């Protein structure tokens, strides 16, 4: 399943709603993917000069 297929029917009004006993919202998960992909791309483009975010905190948006 592609990402587009996985999110095709997701209700937009729930993007910032946490599930029960879950620390992150769906938006947090998508932002985590974006940050991680950004880091991978920058490392490929500049493996010597790029500094990755601190692990793991730098790969997640603030929960608030």
PDB file of N, CA and C in Angstrom:
ATOM      1  N   UNK A   1       0.854  -1.173   0.000  1.00  0.00           N
ATOM      2  CA  UNK A   1       0.000   0.000   0.000  1.00  0.00           C
ATOM      3  C   UNK A   1       0.901   1.238   0.000  1.00  0.00           C
ATOM      4  N   UNK A   2       0.598   2.170  -0.852  1.00  0.00           N
ATOM      5  CA  UNK A   2       1.366   3.415  -0.898  1.00  0.00           C
ATOM      6  C   UNK A   2       0.916   4.342   0.231  1.00  0.00           C
ATOM      7  N   UNK A   3       1.710   5.367   0.478  1.00  0.00           N
ATOM      8  CA  UNK A   3       1.346   6.353   1.501  1.00  0.00           C
ATOM      9  C   UNK A   3       0.021   7.013   1.134  1.00  0.00           C
ATOM     10  N   UNK A   4      -0.118   7.390  -0.149  1.00  0.00           N
ATOM     11  CA  UNK A   4      -1.349   8.042  -0.592  1.00  0.00           C
ATOM     12  C   UNK A   4      -2.572   7.156  -0.355  1.00  0.00           C
ATOM     13  N   UNK A   5      -2.431   5.860  -0.615  1.00  0.00           N
ATOM     14  CA  UNK A   5      -3.531   4.930  -0.372  1.00  0.00           C
ATOM     15  C   UNK A   5      -3.835   4.815   1.123  1.00  0.00           C
ATOM     16  N   UNK A   6      -2.784   4.814   1.926  1.00  0.00           N
ATOM     17  CA  UNK A   6      -2.959   4.655   3.371  1.00  0.00           C
ATOM     18  C   UNK A   6      -3.698   5.834   3.994  1.00  0.00           C
ATOM     19  N   UNK A   7      -3.516   7.018   3.446  1.00  0.00           N
ATOM     20  CA  UNK A   7      -4.132   8.204   4.044  1.00  0.00           C
ATOM     21  C   UNK A   7      -5.329   8.733   3.251  1.00  0.00           C
ATOM     22  N   UNK A   8      -5.698   8.052   2.179  1.00  0.00           N
ATOM     23  CA  UNK A   8      -6.751   8.548   1.283  1.00  0.00           C
ATOM     24  C   UNK A   8      -8.065   8.822   2.009  1.00  0.00           C
ATOM     25  N   UNK A   9      -8.470   7.959   2.901  1.00  0.00           N
ATOM     26  CA  UNK A   9      -9.760   8.120   3.570  1.00  0.00           C
ATOM     27  C   UNK A   9      -9.623   8.619   5.006  1.00  0.00           C
ATOM     28  N   UNK A  10      -8.458   9.133   5.344  1.00  0.00           N
ATOM     29  CA  UNK A  10      -8.263   9.611   6.706  1.00  0.00           C
ATOM     30  C   UNK A  10      -9.072  10.888   6.904  1.00  0.00           C
ATOM     31  N   UNK A  11      -9.849  10.980   7.983  1.00  0.00           N
ATOM     32  CA  UNK A  11     -10.641  12.192   8.214  1.00  0.00           C
ATOM     33  C   UNK A  11      -9.749  13.363   8.629  1.00  0.00           C
ATOM     34  N   UNK A  12      -9.715  14.392   7.817  1.00  0.00           N
ATOM     35  CA  UNK A  12      -8.837  15.544   8.057  1.00  0.00           C
ATOM     36  C   UNK A  12      -9.069  16.173   9.433  1.00  0.00           C
ATOM     37  N   UNK A  13     -10.271  16.138   9.923  1.00  0.00           N
ATOM     38  CA  UNK A  13     -10.577  16.718  11.228  1.00  0.00           C
ATOM     39  C   UNK A  13      -9.967  15.957  12.395  1.00  0.00           C
ATOM     40  N   UNK A  14      -9.371  14.801  12.142  1.00  0.00           N
ATOM     41  CA  UNK A  14      -8.768  13.980  13.206  1.00  0.00           C
ATOM     42  C   UNK A  14      -7.243  14.028  13.175  1.00  0.00           C
ATOM     43  N   UNK A  15      -6.657  14.836  12.313  1.00  0.00           N
ATOM     44  CA  UNK A  15      -5.196  14.846  12.126  1.00  0.00           C
ATOM     45  C   UNK A  15      -4.450  15.250  13.400  1.00  0.00           C
ATOM     46  N   UNK A  16      -5.065  16.048  14.260  1.00  0.00           N
ATOM     47  CA  UNK A  16      -4.415  16.500  15.497  1.00  0.00           C
ATOM     48  C   UNK A  16      -5.023  15.881  16.751  1.00  0.00           C
ATOM     49  N   UNK A  17      -5.687  14.756  16.604  1.00  0.00           N
ATOM     50  CA  UNK A  17      -6.330  14.088  17.736  1.00  0.00           C
ATOM     51  C   UNK A  17      -5.505  12.860  18.126  1.00  0.00           C
ATOM     52  N   UNK A  18      -5.147  12.794  19.398  1.00  0.00           N
ATOM     53  CA  UNK A  18      -4.410  11.626  19.903  1.00  0.00           C
ATOM     54  C   UNK A  18      -5.380  10.486  20.180  1.00  0.00           C
ATOM     55  N   UNK A  19      -4.941   9.290  19.871  1.00  0.00           N
ATOM     56  CA  UNK A  19      -5.719   8.112  20.228  1.00  0.00           C
ATOM     57  C   UNK A  19      -5.546   7.820  21.709  1.00  0.00           C
ATOM     58  N   UNK A  20      -6.342   6.906  22.251  1.00  0.00           N
ATOM     59  CA  UNK A  20      -6.198   6.565  23.668  1.00  0.00           C
ATOM     60  C   UNK A  20      -4.820   5.970  23.959  1.00  0.00           C
ATOM     61  N   UNK A  21      -4.165   6.492  24.970  1.00  0.00           N
ATOM     62  CA  UNK A  21      -2.846   6.015  25.411  1.00  0.00           C
ATOM     63  C   UNK A  21      -1.758   6.185  24.347  1.00  0.00           C
ATOM     64  N   UNK A  22      -1.911   7.164  23.461  1.00  0.00           N
ATOM     65  CA  UNK A  22      -0.924   7.416  22.405  1.00  0.00           C
ATOM     66  C   UNK A  22      -0.365   8.822  22.600  1.00  0.00           C
ATOM     67  N   UNK A  23       0.954   8.948  22.564  1.00  0.00           N
ATOM     68  CA  UNK A  23       1.591  10.247  22.819  1.00  0.00           C
ATOM     69  C   UNK A  23       1.547  11.194  21.623  1.00  0.00           C
ATOM     70  N   UNK A  24       1.376  10.661  20.420  1.00  0.00           N
ATOM     71  CA  UNK A  24       1.446  11.487  19.225  1.00  0.00           C
ATOM     72  C   UNK A  24       0.167  11.418  18.412  1.00  0.00           C
ATOM     73  N   UNK A  25      -0.078  12.483  17.668  1.00  0.00           N
ATOM     74  CA  UNK A  25      -1.216  12.536  16.757  1.00  0.00           C
ATOM     75  C   UNK A  25      -0.782  12.012  15.391  1.00  0.00           C
ATOM     76  N   UNK A  26      -1.728  11.778  14.489  1.00  0.00           N
ATOM     77  CA  UNK A  26      -1.325  11.413  13.126  1.00  0.00           C
ATOM     78  C   UNK A  26      -0.411  12.462  12.493  1.00  0.00           C
ATOM     79  N   UNK A  27      -0.646  13.746  12.777  1.00  0.00           N
ATOM     80  CA  UNK A  27       0.234  14.780  12.234  1.00  0.00           C
ATOM     81  C   UNK A  27       1.667  14.579  12.723  1.00  0.00           C
ATOM     82  N   UNK A  28       1.844  14.252  14.000  1.00  0.00           N
ATOM     83  CA  UNK A  28       3.182  13.998  14.540  1.00  0.00           C
ATOM     84  C   UNK A  28       3.876  12.879  13.756  1.00  0.00           C
ATOM     85  N   UNK A  29       3.134  11.827  13.429  1.00  0.00           N
ATOM     86  CA  UNK A  29       3.728  10.704  12.699  1.00  0.00           C
ATOM     87  C   UNK A  29       4.166  11.120  11.295  1.00  0.00           C
ATOM     88  N   UNK A  30       3.340  11.902  10.615  1.00  0.00           N
ATOM     89  CA  UNK A  30       3.704  12.375   9.277  1.00  0.00           C
ATOM     90  C   UNK A  30       4.901  13.324   9.362  1.00  0.00           C
ATOM     91  N   UNK A  31       4.923  14.188  10.365  1.00  0.00           N
ATOM     92  CA  UNK A  31       6.060  15.102  10.546  1.00  0.00           C
ATOM     93  C   UNK A  31       7.333  14.324  10.869  1.00  0.00           C
ATOM     94  N   UNK A  32       7.227  13.263  11.642  1.00  0.00           N
ATOM     95  CA  UNK A  32       8.374  12.397  11.927  1.00  0.00           C
ATOM     96  C   UNK A  32       8.931  11.818  10.626  1.00  0.00           C
ATOM     97  N   UNK A  33       8.070  11.362   9.740  1.00  0.00           N
ATOM     98  CA  UNK A  33       8.515  10.849   8.439  1.00  0.00           C
ATOM     99  C   UNK A  33       9.219  11.937   7.632  1.00  0.00           C
ATOM    100  N   UNK A  34       8.649  13.149   7.637  1.00  0.00           N
ATOM    101  CA  UNK A  34       9.247  14.258   6.876  1.00  0.00           C
ATOM    102  C   UNK A  34      10.637  14.601   7.404  1.00  0.00           C
ATOM    103  N   UNK A  35      10.776  14.704   8.711  1.00  0.00           N
ATOM    104  CA  UNK A  35      12.079  15.031   9.311  1.00  0.00           C
ATOM    105  C   UNK A  35      13.101  13.951   8.982  1.00  0.00           C
ATOM    106  N   UNK A  36      12.691  12.697   9.089  1.00  0.00           N
ATOM    107  CA  UNK A  36      13.600  11.588   8.816  1.00  0.00           C
ATOM    108  C   UNK A  36      14.031  11.584   7.354  1.00  0.00           C
ATOM    109  N   UNK A  37      13.096  11.778   6.435  1.00  0.00           N
ATOM    110  CA  UNK A  37      13.440  11.817   5.010  1.00  0.00           C
ATOM    111  C   UNK A  37      14.331  13.014   4.694  1.00  0.00           C
ATOM    112  N   UNK A  38      14.071  14.156   5.325  1.00  0.00           N
ATOM    113  CA  UNK A  38      14.919  15.337   5.136  1.00  0.00           C
ATOM    114  C   UNK A  38      16.357  15.016   5.543  1.00  0.00           C
ATOM    115  N   UNK A  39      16.509  14.355   6.697  1.00  0.00           N
ATOM    116  CA  UNK A  39      17.843  14.026   7.196  1.00  0.00           C
ATOM    117  C   UNK A  39      18.571  13.074   6.237  1.00  0.00           C
ATOM    118  N   UNK A  40      17.875  12.070   5.748  1.00  0.00           N
ATOM    119  CA  UNK A  40      18.485  11.124   4.814  1.00  0.00           C
ATOM    120  C   UNK A  40      18.929  11.848   3.548  1.00  0.00           C
ATOM    121  N   UNK A  41      18.065  12.696   2.996  1.00  0.00           N
ATOM    122  CA  UNK A  41      18.398  13.430   1.777  1.00  0.00           C
ATOM    123  C   UNK A  41      19.590  14.353   1.995  1.00  0.00           C
ATOM    124  N   UNK A  42      19.601  15.101   3.084  1.00  0.00           N
ATOM    125  CA  UNK A  42      20.727  16.008   3.347  1.00  0.00           C
ATOM    126  C   UNK A  42      22.034  15.231   3.528  1.00  0.00           C
ATOM    127  N   UNK A  43      21.970  14.087   4.168  1.00  0.00           N
ATOM    128  CA  UNK A  43      23.168  13.257   4.345  1.00  0.00           C
ATOM    129  C   UNK A  43      23.692  12.763   2.997  1.00  0.00           C
ATOM    130  N   UNK A  44      22.796  12.391   2.100  1.00  0.00           N
ATOM    131  CA  UNK A  44      23.212  11.946   0.767  1.00  0.00           C
ATOM    132  C   UNK A  44      23.836  13.098  -0.002  1.00  0.00           C
ATOM    133  N   UNK A  45      23.248  14.273   0.095  1.00  0.00           N
ATOM    134  CA  UNK A  45      23.750  15.446  -0.630  1.00  0.00           C
ATOM    135  C   UNK A  45      25.063  15.964  -0.066  1.00  0.00           C
ATOM    136  N   UNK A  46      25.253  15.857   1.233  1.00  0.00           N
ATOM    137  CA  UNK A  46      26.454  16.402   1.881  1.00  0.00           C
ATOM    138  C   UNK A  46      26.870  15.505   3.042  1.00  0.00           C
ATOM    139  N   UNK A  47      27.441  14.324   2.734  1.00  0.00           N
ATOM    140  CA  UNK A  47      27.758  13.376   3.803  1.00  0.00           C
ATOM    141  C   UNK A  47      28.810  13.878   4.794  1.00  0.00           C
ATOM    142  N   UNK A  48      29.626  14.821   4.404  1.00  0.00           N
ATOM    143  CA  UNK A  48      30.668  15.318   5.300  1.00  0.00           C
ATOM    144  C   UNK A  48      30.162  16.486   6.148  1.00  0.00           C
ATOM    145  N   UNK A  49      29.439  17.396   5.546  1.00  0.00           N
ATOM    146  CA  UNK A  49      29.033  18.611   6.248  1.00  0.00           C
ATOM    147  C   UNK A  49      27.704  18.537   6.976  1.00  0.00           C
ATOM    148  N   UNK A  50      26.875  17.582   6.602  1.00  0.00           N
ATOM    149  CA  UNK A  50      25.542  17.506   7.236  1.00  0.00           C
ATOM    150  C   UNK A  50      25.644  16.950   8.649  1.00  0.00           C
ATOM    151  N   UNK A  51      24.936  17.599   9.559  1.00  0.00           N
ATOM    152  CA  UNK A  51      24.859  17.131  10.941  1.00  0.00           C
ATOM    153  C   UNK A  51      23.412  16.707  11.200  1.00  0.00           C
ATOM    154  N   UNK A  52      23.224  15.443  11.496  1.00  0.00           N
ATOM    155  CA  UNK A  52      21.886  14.920  11.761  1.00  0.00           C
ATOM    156  C   UNK A  52      21.369  15.422  13.102  1.00  0.00           C
ATOM    157  N   UNK A  53      20.042  15.472  13.237  1.00  0.00           N
ATOM    158  CA  UNK A  53      19.470  15.847  14.537  1.00  0.00           C
ATOM    159  C   UNK A  53      19.852  14.824  15.611  1.00  0.00           C
ATOM    160  N   UNK A  54      19.765  15.236  16.862  1.00  0.00           N
ATOM    161  CA  UNK A  54      20.011  14.310  17.967  1.00  0.00           C
ATOM    162  C   UNK A  54      18.981  13.188  17.930  1.00  0.00           C
ATOM    163  N   UNK A  55      19.444  11.977  18.200  1.00  0.00           N
ATOM    164  CA  UNK A  55      18.555  10.809  18.206  1.00  0.00           C
ATOM    165  C   UNK A  55      18.085  10.536  19.630  1.00  0.00           C
ATOM    166  N   UNK A  56      16.851  10.241  19.814  1.00  0.00           N
ATOM    167  CA  UNK A  56      15.735  10.253  18.875  1.00  0.00           C
ATOM    168  C   UNK A  56      14.946  11.551  18.890  1.00  0.00           C
ATOM    169  N   UNK A  57      15.213  12.408  19.874  1.00  0.00           N
ATOM    170  CA  UNK A  57      14.393  13.603  20.073  1.00  0.00           C
ATOM    171  C   UNK A  57      14.346  14.507  18.841  1.00  0.00           C
ATOM    172  N   UNK A  58      15.429  14.598  18.104  1.00  0.00           N
ATOM    173  CA  UNK A  58      15.480  15.479  16.941  1.00  0.00           C
ATOM    174  C   UNK A  58      14.673  14.999  15.755  1.00  0.00           C
ATOM    175  N   UNK A  59      14.167  13.794  15.830  1.00  0.00           N
ATOM    176  CA  UNK A  59      13.386  13.235  14.717  1.00  0.00           C
ATOM    177  C   UNK A  59      11.889  13.267  14.971  1.00  0.00           C
ATOM    178  N   UNK A  60      11.499  13.842  16.091  1.00  0.00           N
ATOM    179  CA  UNK A  60      10.079  13.937  16.441  1.00  0.00           C
ATOM    180  C   UNK A  60       9.716  15.390  16.754  1.00  0.00           C
ATOM    181  N   UNK A  61       8.552  15.855  16.306  1.00  0.00           N
ATOM    182  CA  UNK A  61       8.102  17.186  16.728  1.00  0.00           C
ATOM    183  C   UNK A  61       7.717  17.139  18.201  1.00  0.00           C
ATOM    184  N   UNK A  62       7.687  18.285  18.824  1.00  0.00           N
ATOM    185  CA  UNK A  62       7.275  18.349  20.232  1.00  0.00           C
ATOM    186  C   UNK A  62       5.848  17.826  20.371  1.00  0.00           C
ATOM    187  N   UNK A  63       5.566  17.033  21.383  1.00  0.00           N
ATOM    188  CA  UNK A  63       4.231  16.466  21.512  1.00  0.00           C
ATOM    189  C   UNK A  63       3.131  17.497  21.768  1.00  0.00           C
ATOM    190  N   UNK A  64       3.518  18.691  22.154  1.00  0.00           N
ATOM    191  CA  UNK A  64       2.492  19.723  22.388  1.00  0.00           C
ATOM    192  C   UNK A  64       2.313  20.578  21.152  1.00  0.00           C
TER     193      UNK A  64
END
